[in-house]
Amino acid sequence: MQLTHLSASDFRNLARVEIDFGPRFTILHGRNGAGKTNVLEALYLISTVRSFRSSELGPLVRHGQAQARVEVTGRIPGLGVHSTLSVKLNRGARSTRRTAMADGKVVRSGAAFYGRLPAILFTPEDLGVLRGSPGGRRRFLDRVLFARDRAHITDVQTYEKVLRSRNHVLRGADGQRSARDRDAMLSAYEIRLSESGARIWTRRVELLKSMRDAFSSVFQQIHGDQPRADISYVSHVTGFLQQRPDASGVIEALVDVPSRAAALLGALHERRALDLMRGTTSLGPHRDDFEMTLNGQSAAKYASQGQSRALVLAFKIAELKTSRAALGRAPILLLDDVSSELDPRRTEQLFQALAGEVEQCVLTTTSPRYIPLPDALDRTYLAVSEGAVTPGE
């Protein structure tokens, strides 16, 4: 979908806005706190049915109001028709209910609505991924896959549900049972974990493999010839298998879902005694990670702040490149405060890289002068002030 219009009412500080987007770059500018990021959040809500700033939906409804609504209109490439997507939030005393609609019809499943407006988001908080927790990096990676493959959403939900059940049995939280009954239950859960877990593991590995060359070249374009950036997946199961005498051959055989499912099932069974002592499942995709490196050294340990920002932006542009190949069209790129902490030369190099990859981009900045787009690129400027959006620099 090529985004053409956004209508929002009582969303955050946006009491009522109507925004027309340009076909390439739309630049939202204004002081901090004006509401620029709220526009990106509204677009992200349409894309994913969730916020990137809050785990709860209630804060998205403007203070003092009971309901918020966001609606976007866009053209479907190749078909010459328009489509309308909307999300309505109704805040109650205990919870906030959301209703998603596509062309006037309610879409009851979040997974079925997710990705109808494909979008890739960058926020300053993404910089924390590099030095943050493995859990944060796993979620960062899975969000990429959610937008491409709805089956990944189902597999992650299934895996997490079965994982909770296995951990429940490991802790003996449901009372007394015989060791035989306990082991039978654990075996059943391990089979289900290995099936969904292998699919999650495989998609993550294949995603990073597909992004690897683009990630390295885009970082070089933004930052310069040195150092060389790389990215790789870190599997706990692979680490466990490395302890075996025939480790190299065993690991080389992990090439697809069936081989990874067998390896995960065997590892879960071997670790069962330890897991019973600890009361938790000690390996699997829920423990995995990915790593960015500079000249073979951990970027989390050695990258400067500017290098960290360039690495995350290179990841996002590589995501854009590979998404175009997977989806047939590049997703909309949402960039929040993208140019801070990059020097002028690297900011210019960043936008030269974006110019060659982006089909449509909505970005925020405190001033248009911080966005050095090449002169030939189409751009639309929108000024944001106290929740109001008006055309112009």
Protein backbone atom coordinates (compact mmCIF):
# COMPACT_ATOMS: atom_id res chain seq x y z
CA MET A 1 0.00 0.00 0.00
CA GLN A 2 1.22 3.51 -0.86
CA LEU A 3 0.10 5.74 1.99
CA THR A 4 -1.87 8.82 0.93
CA HIS A 5 -3.85 10.07 3.95
CA LEU A 6 -4.08 9.76 7.73
CA SER A 7 -7.07 10.80 9.83
CA ALA A 8 -6.72 10.70 13.62
CA SER A 9 -8.97 11.82 16.44
CA ASP A 10 -8.18 11.91 20.17
CA PHE A 11 -5.01 9.89 19.66
CA ARG A 12 -2.36 11.00 22.18
CA ASN A 13 -2.26 14.82 21.81
CA LEU A 14 -3.73 14.70 18.29
CA ALA A 15 -7.25 15.98 18.93
CA ARG A 16 -8.19 15.92 15.26
CA VAL A 17 -5.74 15.84 12.36
CA GLU A 18 -5.95 15.20 8.63
CA ILE A 19 -2.61 14.57 6.94
CA ASP A 20 -1.79 14.10 3.25
CA PHE A 21 1.50 12.30 2.64
CA GLY A 22 3.92 12.77 -0.22
CA PRO A 23 4.73 9.84 -2.52
CA ARG A 24 8.38 9.67 -1.33
CA PHE A 25 9.54 11.61 1.74
CA THR A 26 7.22 13.31 4.24
CA ILE A 27 9.09 15.36 6.84
CA LEU A 28 7.32 16.16 10.13
CA HIS A 29 9.16 18.95 11.90
CA GLY A 30 8.60 20.84 15.14
CA ARG A 31 9.89 21.18 18.66
CA ASN A 32 10.15 18.26 21.04
CA GLY A 33 6.78 17.32 22.53
CA ALA A 34 4.80 18.82 19.65
CA GLY A 35 3.30 15.48 18.57
CA LYS A 36 5.57 14.38 15.70
CA THR A 37 6.24 10.94 17.14
CA ASN A 38 2.52 10.53 17.82
CA VAL A 39 1.92 10.59 14.05
CA LEU A 40 4.46 7.80 13.57
CA GLU A 41 2.87 5.88 16.44
CA ALA A 42 -0.55 6.19 14.77
CA LEU A 43 0.87 4.72 11.55
CA TYR A 44 2.60 1.96 13.50
CA LEU A 45 -0.70 1.14 15.23
CA ILE A 46 -2.31 0.61 11.84
CA SER A 47 0.61 -1.57 10.74
CA THR A 48 0.89 -3.76 13.85
CA VAL A 49 -2.24 -3.12 15.97
CA ARG A 50 0.02 -2.08 18.84
CA SER A 51 2.11 0.82 20.12
CA PHE A 52 5.90 0.98 20.05
CA ARG A 53 5.92 3.13 23.20
CA SER A 54 3.47 1.42 25.51
CA SER A 55 2.47 -2.17 26.22
CA GLU A 56 -1.00 -0.87 27.12
CA LEU A 57 -3.48 0.77 24.77
CA GLY A 58 -5.08 3.10 27.32
CA PRO A 59 -2.35 5.80 27.14
CA LEU A 60 -2.97 6.14 23.40
CA VAL A 61 -6.41 7.67 24.04
CA ARG A 62 -6.21 11.43 24.61
CA HIS A 63 -6.54 12.49 28.24
CA GLY A 64 -10.16 13.00 29.24
CA GLN A 65 -11.56 11.12 26.23
CA ALA A 66 -13.11 7.65 26.07
CA GLN A 67 -12.34 6.82 22.45
CA ALA A 68 -9.60 7.33 19.87
CA ARG A 69 -9.59 6.51 16.18
CA VAL A 70 -6.89 6.25 13.52
CA GLU A 71 -7.63 5.69 9.84
CA VAL A 72 -5.32 5.55 6.83
CA THR A 73 -6.06 5.48 3.13
CA GLY A 74 -3.66 4.23 0.51
CA ARG A 75 -3.36 3.02 -3.05
CA ILE A 76 -2.81 -0.66 -3.80
CA PRO A 77 0.12 -0.86 -6.25
CA GLY A 78 -0.72 -2.50 -9.55
CA LEU A 79 -4.48 -2.51 -8.92
CA GLY A 80 -5.25 1.20 -9.13
CA VAL A 81 -7.68 1.02 -6.21
CA HIS A 82 -7.71 2.56 -2.75
CA SER A 83 -7.94 0.75 0.56
CA THR A 84 -8.86 2.05 4.01
CA LEU A 85 -7.58 0.63 7.30
CA SER A 86 -8.65 1.82 10.74
CA VAL A 87 -8.20 1.05 14.42
CA LYS A 88 -10.62 2.29 17.06
CA LEU A 89 -9.70 2.32 20.76
CA ASN A 90 -12.42 2.33 23.42
CA ARG A 91 -11.13 2.98 26.93
CA GLY A 92 -13.12 1.35 29.72
CA ALA A 93 -12.74 1.34 33.47
CA ARG A 94 -10.41 -1.67 33.49
CA SER A 95 -9.09 -2.08 29.96
CA THR A 96 -8.99 -0.56 26.51
CA ARG A 97 -10.60 -2.49 23.67
CA ARG A 98 -9.42 -2.17 20.08
CA THR A 99 -11.39 -2.76 16.89
CA ALA A 100 -9.55 -3.10 13.58
CA MET A 101 -11.30 -2.66 10.24
CA ALA A 102 -10.22 -3.14 6.64
CA ASP A 103 -12.37 -1.47 3.98
CA GLY A 104 -15.31 -1.26 6.36
CA LYS A 105 -15.14 -4.86 7.60
CA VAL A 106 -14.06 -5.84 11.11
CA VAL A 107 -10.91 -7.97 11.26
CA ARG A 108 -11.18 -9.91 14.49
CA SER A 109 -7.70 -11.44 14.56
CA GLY A 110 -4.73 -9.18 15.23
CA ALA A 111 -2.51 -11.56 13.26
CA ALA A 112 -4.84 -11.27 10.26
CA PHE A 113 -4.66 -7.45 10.37
CA TYR A 114 -0.93 -7.21 11.09
CA GLY A 115 1.13 -6.11 8.09
CA ARG A 116 -1.66 -4.87 5.79
CA LEU A 117 0.28 -1.61 5.89
CA PRO A 118 3.85 -2.97 5.96
CA ALA A 119 6.10 -0.60 7.89
CA ILE A 120 9.64 -0.53 9.24
CA LEU A 121 10.24 1.64 12.27
CA PHE A 122 13.37 3.29 13.68
CA THR A 123 13.29 5.15 17.00
CA PRO A 124 16.13 6.38 19.23
CA GLU A 125 15.15 3.62 21.67
CA ASP A 126 16.30 1.06 19.08
CA LEU A 127 19.88 2.04 19.92
CA GLY A 128 19.41 0.28 23.25
CA VAL A 129 18.98 -3.03 21.40
CA LEU A 130 22.70 -3.25 20.70
CA ARG A 131 23.72 -3.15 24.37
CA GLY A 132 20.43 -4.26 25.87
CA SER A 133 19.10 -7.66 26.88
CA PRO A 134 18.97 -10.72 24.60
CA GLY A 135 15.19 -10.66 25.07
CA GLY A 136 15.05 -7.19 23.56
CA ARG A 137 17.09 -8.33 20.57
CA ARG A 138 14.87 -11.38 20.07
CA ARG A 139 11.77 -9.15 20.03
CA PHE A 140 13.56 -6.76 17.65
CA LEU A 141 14.24 -9.67 15.28
CA ASP A 142 10.78 -11.21 15.58
CA ARG A 143 9.08 -7.89 14.73
CA VAL A 144 10.80 -8.06 11.34
CA LEU A 145 9.45 -11.56 10.79
CA PHE A 146 5.95 -10.72 12.03
CA ALA A 147 5.59 -8.19 9.21
CA ARG A 148 6.65 -10.75 6.59
CA ASP A 149 5.11 -14.02 7.74
CA ARG A 150 1.96 -14.24 9.82
CA ALA A 151 2.79 -17.87 10.58
CA HIS A 152 5.70 -16.59 12.67
CA ILE A 153 3.25 -14.79 14.98
CA THR A 154 1.34 -18.05 15.50
CA ASP A 155 4.53 -20.04 16.11
CA VAL A 156 5.85 -17.55 18.68
CA GLN A 157 2.50 -17.52 20.49
CA THR A 158 2.35 -21.34 20.47
CA TYR A 159 5.95 -21.70 21.62
CA GLU A 160 5.50 -19.25 24.50
CA LYS A 161 2.30 -20.98 25.63
CA VAL A 162 3.91 -24.46 25.61
CA LEU A 163 7.04 -23.08 27.28
CA ARG A 164 4.95 -21.76 30.17
CA SER A 165 3.31 -25.18 30.51
CA ARG A 166 6.64 -27.02 30.56
CA ASN A 167 8.06 -24.60 33.14
CA HIS A 168 4.93 -25.08 35.23
CA VAL A 169 5.56 -28.84 35.33
CA LEU A 170 9.29 -28.37 35.96
CA ARG A 171 8.49 -26.31 39.06
CA GLY A 172 5.95 -28.86 40.28
CA ALA A 173 3.53 -25.98 40.60
CA ASP A 174 0.40 -28.05 40.04
CA GLY A 175 0.81 -30.39 42.99
CA GLN A 176 1.95 -33.97 43.44
CA ARG A 177 2.26 -36.38 40.54
CA SER A 178 4.35 -39.45 39.90
CA ALA A 179 7.71 -39.11 38.17
CA ARG A 180 6.32 -41.24 35.36
CA ASP A 181 3.36 -38.92 34.76
CA ARG A 182 5.60 -35.86 35.04
CA ASP A 183 8.06 -37.21 32.49
CA ALA A 184 5.24 -38.13 30.10
CA MET A 185 3.94 -34.58 30.25
CA LEU A 186 7.42 -33.14 29.76
CA SER A 187 7.99 -35.38 26.75
CA ALA A 188 4.75 -34.20 25.15
CA TYR A 189 5.64 -30.54 25.74
CA GLU A 190 9.17 -31.07 24.40
CA ILE A 191 7.84 -32.45 21.13
CA ARG A 192 5.60 -29.41 20.68
CA LEU A 193 8.41 -27.01 21.65
CA SER A 194 10.78 -28.62 19.16
CA GLU A 195 8.25 -28.30 16.32
CA SER A 196 7.37 -24.61 16.73
CA GLY A 197 10.82 -23.75 18.09
CA ALA A 198 12.59 -25.15 15.02
CA ARG A 199 10.45 -23.00 12.73
CA ILE A 200 11.21 -19.89 14.81
CA TRP A 201 14.93 -20.73 14.90
CA THR A 202 15.06 -21.36 11.14
CA ARG A 203 13.24 -18.16 10.17
CA ARG A 204 15.55 -16.08 12.35
CA VAL A 205 18.68 -17.69 10.90
CA GLU A 206 17.47 -17.31 7.32
CA LEU A 207 16.45 -13.69 7.93
CA LEU A 208 19.91 -12.71 9.13
CA LYS A 209 21.56 -14.64 6.30
CA SER A 210 19.44 -12.75 3.78
CA MET A 211 20.32 -9.39 5.39
CA ARG A 212 24.02 -9.98 5.98
CA ASP A 213 25.52 -8.59 2.77
CA ALA A 214 23.16 -5.62 2.65
CA PHE A 215 23.81 -4.83 6.30
CA SER A 216 27.57 -4.76 5.76
CA SER A 217 27.43 -2.66 2.57
CA VAL A 218 24.94 -0.12 3.96
CA PHE A 219 27.02 0.35 7.12
CA GLN A 220 30.04 0.96 4.90
CA GLN A 221 28.06 3.50 2.87
CA ILE A 222 26.95 5.38 6.00
CA HIS A 223 30.12 5.13 8.06
CA GLY A 224 32.98 4.63 5.59
CA ASP A 225 35.32 1.83 4.57
CA GLN A 226 36.34 0.82 8.11
CA PRO A 227 35.48 -1.04 10.22
CA ARG A 228 33.62 -3.93 8.56
CA ALA A 229 30.24 -4.74 10.08
CA ASP A 230 28.74 -8.22 10.29
CA ILE A 231 25.73 -9.86 11.90
CA SER A 232 25.09 -13.43 13.04
CA TYR A 233 22.60 -15.57 14.95
CA VAL A 234 23.60 -17.10 18.30
CA SER A 235 21.76 -20.34 19.11
CA HIS A 236 21.86 -21.85 22.62
CA VAL A 237 21.20 -25.27 21.14
CA THR A 238 24.23 -24.91 18.87
CA GLY A 239 26.29 -23.87 21.88
CA PHE A 240 25.10 -26.95 23.74
CA LEU A 241 25.99 -29.22 20.82
CA GLN A 242 29.49 -27.75 20.60
CA GLN A 243 30.38 -29.68 23.74
CA ARG A 244 30.22 -32.98 21.83
CA PRO A 245 33.32 -34.65 20.32
CA ASP A 246 31.67 -34.67 16.86
CA ALA A 247 30.38 -31.11 17.25
CA SER A 248 31.41 -29.75 13.85
CA GLY A 249 29.61 -32.47 11.92
CA VAL A 250 26.49 -32.27 14.09
CA ILE A 251 26.26 -28.48 13.75
CA GLU A 252 26.87 -28.55 10.00
CA ALA A 253 23.88 -30.87 9.68
CA LEU A 254 21.53 -28.19 11.12
CA VAL A 255 20.31 -26.93 7.77
CA ASP A 256 16.50 -26.99 7.89
CA VAL A 257 13.45 -27.25 10.15
CA PRO A 258 13.48 -31.08 10.57
CA SER A 259 17.18 -31.20 11.53
CA ARG A 260 16.80 -28.31 13.96
CA ALA A 261 13.64 -29.85 15.44
CA ALA A 262 15.48 -33.10 16.08
CA ALA A 263 18.43 -31.26 17.63
CA LEU A 264 16.16 -29.14 19.87
CA LEU A 265 14.14 -32.18 20.98
CA GLY A 266 17.30 -34.10 21.86
CA ALA A 267 18.79 -31.14 23.74
CA LEU A 268 15.60 -30.59 25.75
CA HIS A 269 15.58 -34.26 26.74
CA GLU A 270 19.27 -34.20 27.73
CA ARG A 271 18.81 -31.04 29.79
CA ARG A 272 15.65 -32.21 31.53
CA ALA A 273 17.37 -33.18 34.80
CA LEU A 274 19.07 -29.78 34.99
CA ASP A 275 15.84 -28.00 34.08
CA LEU A 276 14.02 -29.85 36.88
CA MET A 277 16.63 -28.60 39.35
CA ARG A 278 16.32 -25.03 38.08
CA GLY A 279 12.56 -25.09 37.53
CA THR A 280 12.87 -23.54 34.07
CA THR A 281 13.69 -24.43 30.45
CA SER A 282 17.34 -23.61 29.93
CA LEU A 283 17.69 -23.67 26.14
CA GLY A 284 15.68 -23.04 23.01
CA PRO A 285 14.78 -20.05 20.81
CA HIS A 286 13.61 -18.16 23.92
CA ARG A 287 17.27 -18.06 25.02
CA ASP A 288 18.83 -17.25 21.64
CA ASP A 289 20.43 -13.97 20.56
CA PHE A 290 22.01 -12.22 17.60
CA GLU A 291 25.24 -10.27 17.48
CA MET A 292 26.58 -7.33 15.50
CA THR A 293 30.35 -7.12 15.12
CA LEU A 294 32.91 -4.60 13.87
CA ASN A 295 36.02 -6.22 12.43
CA GLY A 296 35.07 -9.38 14.29
CA GLN A 297 34.72 -7.70 17.70
CA SER A 298 31.46 -7.29 19.59
CA ALA A 299 29.82 -4.00 18.61
CA ALA A 300 27.97 -4.02 21.93
CA LYS A 301 31.35 -3.71 23.70
CA TYR A 302 33.38 -1.58 21.31
CA ALA A 303 31.11 0.52 19.06
CA SER A 304 30.97 4.27 19.59
CA GLN A 305 27.61 6.01 19.87
CA GLY A 306 27.82 7.15 16.25
CA GLN A 307 28.79 3.65 15.11
CA SER A 308 25.92 2.18 17.16
CA ARG A 309 23.42 4.45 15.43
CA ALA A 310 24.90 3.64 12.02
CA LEU A 311 24.69 -0.10 12.78
CA VAL A 312 21.02 0.02 13.74
CA LEU A 313 20.19 2.20 10.73
CA ALA A 314 22.12 -0.18 8.47
CA PHE A 315 20.01 -3.02 9.91
CA LYS A 316 16.81 -1.09 9.11
CA ILE A 317 17.88 -0.31 5.54
CA ALA A 318 18.97 -3.94 5.04
CA GLU A 319 15.54 -4.93 6.36
CA LEU A 320 14.01 -2.60 3.78
CA LYS A 321 16.06 -4.15 0.96
CA THR A 322 15.20 -7.74 1.86
CA SER A 323 11.54 -6.89 2.58
CA ARG A 324 11.20 -5.57 -0.96
CA ALA A 325 12.47 -8.91 -2.25
CA ALA A 326 10.13 -10.85 0.07
CA LEU A 327 6.99 -8.73 -0.36
CA GLY A 328 7.44 -7.35 -3.88
CA ARG A 329 7.40 -3.76 -2.61
CA ALA A 330 9.35 -1.89 0.03
CA PRO A 331 7.44 -1.22 3.29
CA ILE A 332 6.91 2.35 4.46
CA LEU A 333 9.90 3.52 6.47
CA LEU A 334 9.11 5.38 9.72
CA LEU A 335 12.11 7.27 11.13
CA ASP A 336 11.92 9.09 14.44
CA ASP A 337 14.70 11.64 15.11
CA VAL A 338 16.95 9.78 12.72
CA SER A 339 19.80 12.28 12.29
CA SER A 340 20.75 12.97 15.89
CA GLU A 341 24.22 11.78 16.96
CA LEU A 342 25.40 11.43 13.34
CA ASP A 343 27.81 14.10 12.14
CA PRO A 344 26.78 16.13 9.04
CA ARG A 345 28.86 14.04 6.63
CA ARG A 346 27.41 10.74 7.82
CA THR A 347 23.91 12.19 7.93
CA GLU A 348 24.28 13.11 4.27
CA GLN A 349 25.62 9.63 3.49
CA LEU A 350 22.65 8.11 5.33
CA PHE A 351 20.14 10.00 3.20
CA GLN A 352 22.01 9.11 0.03
CA ALA A 353 21.65 5.46 1.07
CA LEU A 354 17.96 5.96 1.84
CA ALA A 355 17.34 7.69 -1.50
CA GLY A 356 18.31 4.53 -3.35
CA GLU A 357 16.15 2.19 -1.27
CA VAL A 358 13.08 3.98 0.06
CA GLU A 359 9.82 4.02 -1.83
CA GLN A 360 7.97 6.00 0.85
CA CYS A 361 9.29 7.40 4.12
CA VAL A 362 7.75 9.42 6.96
CA LEU A 363 10.30 10.95 9.33
CA THR A 364 10.51 13.41 12.19
CA THR A 365 13.03 16.12 13.02
CA THR A 366 13.23 19.30 15.04
CA SER A 367 14.24 21.24 11.89
CA PRO A 368 14.18 20.47 8.14
CA ARG A 369 17.80 21.63 7.87
CA TYR A 370 18.84 18.38 9.59
CA ILE A 371 17.41 16.34 6.68
CA PRO A 372 19.81 16.74 3.71
CA LEU A 373 17.80 14.98 1.02
CA PRO A 374 19.22 14.99 -2.52
CA ASP A 375 17.64 17.84 -4.52
CA ALA A 376 15.91 15.58 -7.04
CA LEU A 377 13.89 13.70 -4.42
CA ASP A 378 10.21 14.50 -3.93
CA ARG A 379 9.51 15.71 -0.39
CA THR A 380 6.56 17.08 1.58
CA TYR A 381 7.05 19.25 4.69
CA LEU A 382 4.53 19.25 7.53
CA ALA A 383 4.86 21.48 10.59
CA VAL A 384 3.68 20.01 13.89
CA SER A 385 2.78 22.21 16.86
CA GLU A 386 0.77 21.24 19.96
CA GLY A 387 -0.93 18.36 18.21
CA ALA A 388 -1.82 20.31 15.07
CA VAL A 389 -0.30 19.49 11.67
CA THR A 390 -0.05 22.07 8.88
CA PRO A 391 1.68 22.03 5.46
CA GLY A 392 4.92 23.92 4.97
CA GLU A 393 8.49 24.32 6.22
